[in-house]
């Protein structure tokens, strides 16, 4: 299975750090945030990784190279301007192929990645458009995003809602007919959910949306305390 790491955003709330670096290259406990993802993907056996790039995107290949030091192959999807999540995935489809693929936000931290093989098979066998991992609602997002019904389908109508972790397996058909250009992921997911074509699970590992300086410092303290 191939994976895509989303790394094209500007990272306004992490300024001034992101004035000179793409957000996923911001260092946490002595290592760029995106490297934690690459290491965990390699442990899962994912060897083909696509990274999209826009803001200061040339720095990603300069620092990460071709992935050989982790035993993976990294290819880069160039965006002149950031295309948002669905637009970026659509743009990268030629690199991602015809089979379901894993996508992870470049600005989150997860203690470990789940075993994705079962979710991959579910997308294939249930002919679902996607399988998403949801986490407990953080303090900065108490309202959550989606609920999980009794059949494991995701919905915007039920309660309680959990927060989308920025981690999912997607079938290319979810994006293939989108027009090129900027496209947010939310409306695409909600349309598919209305047809009961997206499954999900509550994921209970430690998760952090590293979107602000404060949360970056909290994560840094946590990781340093573990050493």
Protein backbone atom coordinates (compact mmCIF):
# COMPACT_ATOMS: atom_id res chain seq x y z
CA UNK A 1 0.00 0.00 0.00
CA UNK A 2 1.17 3.51 -0.82
CA UNK A 3 0.92 6.43 1.59
CA UNK A 4 0.65 10.18 1.20
CA UNK A 5 1.78 12.73 3.76
CA UNK A 6 0.07 16.11 3.44
CA UNK A 7 2.73 18.79 3.75
CA UNK A 8 1.67 21.71 1.55
CA UNK A 9 0.00 24.05 4.06
CA UNK A 10 1.33 27.43 5.13
CA UNK A 11 1.11 26.92 8.91
CA UNK A 12 0.11 30.46 9.82
CA UNK A 13 -0.47 29.66 13.50
CA UNK A 14 3.06 28.27 13.84
CA UNK A 15 4.71 31.47 12.71
CA UNK A 16 7.48 32.58 13.00
CA UNK A 17 8.75 28.97 12.79
CA UNK A 18 6.97 28.43 9.49
CA UNK A 19 8.31 31.65 7.95
CA UNK A 20 11.42 29.67 7.03
CA UNK A 21 10.19 26.05 7.05
CA UNK A 22 7.21 24.06 5.81
CA UNK A 23 5.10 23.15 8.82
CA UNK A 24 5.95 19.40 8.81
CA UNK A 25 9.67 20.23 8.98
CA UNK A 26 9.29 22.07 12.29
CA UNK A 27 11.45 20.28 14.83
CA UNK A 28 9.96 18.42 17.80
CA UNK A 29 12.35 16.90 20.35
CA UNK A 30 15.23 17.26 17.91
CA UNK A 31 13.55 15.79 14.83
CA UNK A 32 11.34 17.22 12.06
CA UNK A 33 7.71 16.34 12.74
CA UNK A 34 7.34 14.59 9.39
CA UNK A 35 10.19 12.19 10.14
CA UNK A 36 8.12 10.57 12.90
CA UNK A 37 5.54 9.72 10.23
CA UNK A 38 8.12 8.32 7.82
CA UNK A 39 9.59 6.11 10.54
CA UNK A 40 6.18 4.78 11.55
CA UNK A 41 5.14 4.16 7.95
CA UNK A 42 8.36 2.23 7.37
CA UNK A 43 7.59 0.10 10.45
CA UNK A 44 4.19 -0.68 8.93
CA UNK A 45 5.91 -1.91 5.81
CA UNK A 46 4.84 1.03 3.64
CA UNK A 47 7.72 1.60 1.26
CA UNK A 48 6.24 4.03 -1.28
CA UNK A 49 5.45 7.50 0.13
CA UNK A 50 4.17 10.59 -1.69
CA UNK A 51 4.61 14.01 -0.07
CA UNK A 52 2.85 17.06 -1.48
CA UNK A 53 4.61 20.39 -1.28
CA UNK A 54 3.79 24.04 -1.84
CA UNK A 55 4.94 26.55 0.80
CA UNK A 56 8.79 26.40 0.81
CA UNK A 57 8.29 22.97 -0.68
CA UNK A 58 11.82 22.72 -2.07
CA UNK A 59 13.06 22.26 1.49
CA UNK A 60 11.27 18.92 1.86
CA UNK A 61 13.38 17.02 -0.69
CA UNK A 62 16.46 18.92 0.45
CA UNK A 63 16.06 17.57 3.99
CA UNK A 64 14.26 14.25 3.43
CA UNK A 65 15.83 13.20 0.14
CA UNK A 66 14.54 10.10 -1.62
CA UNK A 67 13.70 8.24 1.60
CA UNK A 68 16.52 5.73 1.31
CA UNK A 69 17.77 6.35 4.85
CA UNK A 70 14.44 4.91 6.11
CA UNK A 71 14.31 2.15 3.51
CA UNK A 72 11.42 3.80 1.66
CA UNK A 73 10.94 5.62 -1.62
CA UNK A 74 9.72 9.22 -1.33
CA UNK A 75 8.24 11.02 -4.31
CA UNK A 76 7.03 14.60 -4.30
CA UNK A 77 3.82 16.09 -5.67
CA UNK A 78 4.44 19.74 -6.50
CA UNK A 79 1.67 22.30 -6.04
CA UNK A 80 2.24 25.86 -7.23
CA UNK A 81 -0.13 27.01 -4.51
CA UNK A 82 -1.60 24.77 -1.83
CA UNK A 83 -4.62 22.93 -3.22
CA UNK A 84 -6.17 22.01 0.17
CA UNK A 85 -6.55 18.38 1.14
CA UNK A 86 -8.86 16.92 -1.50
CA UNK A 87 -7.28 19.03 -4.25
CA UNK A 88 -3.82 17.92 -3.20
CA UNK A 89 -4.82 14.25 -3.19
CA UNK A 90 -6.49 14.65 -6.59
CA UNK A 91 -3.31 16.24 -7.97
CA UNK A 92 -1.21 13.36 -6.60
CA UNK A 93 -3.36 10.52 -7.98
CA UNK A 94 -0.94 9.75 -10.83
CA UNK A 95 1.67 8.94 -8.17
CA UNK A 96 -0.76 7.05 -5.91
CA UNK A 97 -2.13 4.57 -8.44
CA UNK A 98 -5.41 2.70 -8.71
CA UNK A 99 -5.53 0.95 -5.32
CA UNK A 100 -6.57 2.36 -1.91
CA UNK A 101 -3.87 4.42 -0.22
CA UNK A 102 -3.16 5.78 3.25
CA UNK A 103 -3.17 9.55 3.85
CA UNK A 104 -1.86 11.25 6.97
CA UNK A 105 -1.72 14.94 7.84
CA UNK A 106 1.83 16.17 8.10
CA UNK A 107 1.06 18.42 11.08
CA UNK A 108 -0.16 15.81 13.55
CA UNK A 109 1.66 13.47 15.92
CA UNK A 110 0.44 9.98 16.80
CA UNK A 111 2.25 7.68 19.23
CA UNK A 112 1.83 4.78 16.84
CA UNK A 113 0.01 4.04 13.62
CA UNK A 114 -2.75 1.41 13.78
CA UNK A 115 -2.62 -1.85 11.88
CA UNK A 116 -4.04 -0.59 8.62
CA UNK A 117 -4.28 -3.95 6.86
CA UNK A 118 -7.79 -4.71 8.18
CA UNK A 119 -9.04 -1.25 7.21
CA UNK A 120 -7.49 -1.66 3.76
CA UNK A 121 -9.33 -4.95 3.27
CA UNK A 122 -12.58 -3.37 4.47
CA UNK A 123 -12.31 -0.62 1.86
CA UNK A 124 -11.77 -3.29 -0.81
CA UNK A 125 -14.37 -5.80 0.35
CA UNK A 126 -17.10 -3.39 1.42
CA UNK A 127 -16.49 -1.21 -1.63
CA UNK A 128 -16.22 1.77 0.70
CA UNK A 129 -14.80 5.11 -0.41
CA UNK A 130 -12.72 5.52 2.74
CA UNK A 131 -11.91 4.30 6.24
CA UNK A 132 -11.09 7.02 8.77
CA UNK A 133 -9.64 6.98 12.27
CA UNK A 134 -11.34 9.24 14.83
CA UNK A 135 -9.91 10.36 18.17
CA UNK A 136 -11.25 11.85 21.40
CA UNK A 137 -12.14 15.52 20.99
CA UNK A 138 -9.23 17.75 22.02
CA UNK A 139 -9.82 20.90 24.07
CA UNK A 140 -9.51 23.13 21.00
CA UNK A 141 -12.12 21.13 19.04
CA UNK A 142 -14.75 19.98 21.58
CA UNK A 143 -17.59 19.68 19.07
CA UNK A 144 -15.91 16.87 17.10
CA UNK A 145 -16.46 16.05 13.44
CA UNK A 146 -18.20 12.70 12.81
CA UNK A 147 -20.04 9.99 14.68
CA UNK A 148 -19.79 6.22 14.20
CA UNK A 149 -23.08 4.38 13.86
CA UNK A 150 -23.78 0.81 14.98
CA UNK A 151 -22.61 -0.53 11.61
CA UNK A 152 -19.29 1.28 11.69
CA UNK A 153 -20.44 3.86 9.15
CA UNK A 154 -19.46 7.48 9.70
CA UNK A 155 -22.19 10.10 9.85
CA UNK A 156 -22.60 13.79 10.57
CA UNK A 157 -26.08 13.29 12.01
CA UNK A 158 -25.50 11.15 15.12
CA UNK A 159 -23.98 11.87 18.53
CA UNK A 160 -21.52 11.74 20.16
CA UNK A 161 -19.11 13.10 17.59
CA UNK A 162 -15.40 12.39 17.62
CA UNK A 163 -12.57 14.27 15.92
CA UNK A 164 -11.13 13.15 12.59
CA UNK A 165 -7.49 12.28 13.24
CA UNK A 166 -6.21 13.29 9.82
CA UNK A 167 -5.50 9.62 9.13
CA UNK A 168 -7.44 7.57 6.62
CA UNK A 169 -7.41 5.04 3.81
CA UNK A 170 -9.02 6.31 0.63
CA UNK A 171 -10.08 4.69 -2.59
CA UNK A 172 -9.04 6.74 -5.65
CA UNK A 173 -12.65 6.81 -6.86
CA UNK A 174 -13.45 9.33 -4.11
CA UNK A 175 -11.30 11.91 -5.92
CA UNK A 176 -11.10 10.80 -9.53
CA UNK A 177 -14.02 12.94 -10.75
CA UNK A 178 -13.14 16.07 -8.81
CA UNK A 179 -12.08 19.05 -10.92
CA UNK A 180 -8.45 20.11 -10.69
CA UNK A 181 -7.65 22.93 -8.31
CA UNK A 182 -8.43 23.80 -4.68
CA UNK A 183 -10.80 21.34 -3.05
CA UNK A 184 -11.49 20.94 0.66
CA UNK A 185 -11.86 17.40 1.98
CA UNK A 186 -14.84 17.99 4.28
CA UNK A 187 -17.55 18.37 1.61
CA UNK A 188 -16.19 15.36 -0.29
CA UNK A 189 -16.35 13.19 2.83
CA UNK A 190 -19.82 14.39 3.82
CA UNK A 191 -21.22 13.65 0.39
CA UNK A 192 -19.85 10.11 0.56
CA UNK A 193 -21.10 9.68 4.14
CA UNK A 194 -24.60 10.56 2.98
CA UNK A 195 -24.38 7.46 0.79
CA UNK A 196 -23.01 5.33 3.69
CA UNK A 197 -19.73 4.79 1.90
CA UNK A 198 -17.27 5.78 4.65
CA UNK A 199 -16.37 3.57 7.60
CA UNK A 200 -14.36 4.40 10.67
CA UNK A 201 -13.20 3.49 14.14
CA UNK A 202 -12.40 5.21 17.43
CA UNK A 203 -8.60 5.30 17.77
CA UNK A 204 -7.38 5.72 21.33
CA UNK A 205 -3.64 6.27 20.97
CA UNK A 206 -2.09 9.59 21.98
CA UNK A 207 -2.76 12.13 19.22
CA UNK A 208 -1.84 15.79 18.88
CA UNK A 209 -2.75 18.34 16.24
CA UNK A 210 0.47 20.37 16.22
CA UNK A 211 -1.24 23.50 14.94
CA UNK A 212 -0.05 26.15 17.38
CA UNK A 213 3.14 27.07 19.22
CA UNK A 214 1.47 26.09 22.51
CA UNK A 215 0.59 22.58 21.31
CA UNK A 216 4.03 22.19 19.77
CA UNK A 217 5.60 22.99 23.14
CA UNK A 218 3.26 20.55 24.92
CA UNK A 219 4.25 17.77 22.52
CA UNK A 220 7.91 18.61 22.88
CA UNK A 221 7.68 18.37 26.66
CA UNK A 222 5.89 15.03 26.42
CA UNK A 223 8.45 13.50 24.07
CA UNK A 224 11.43 14.78 26.04
CA UNK A 225 9.92 13.37 29.25
CA UNK A 226 9.79 9.93 27.60
CA UNK A 227 13.53 9.88 26.81
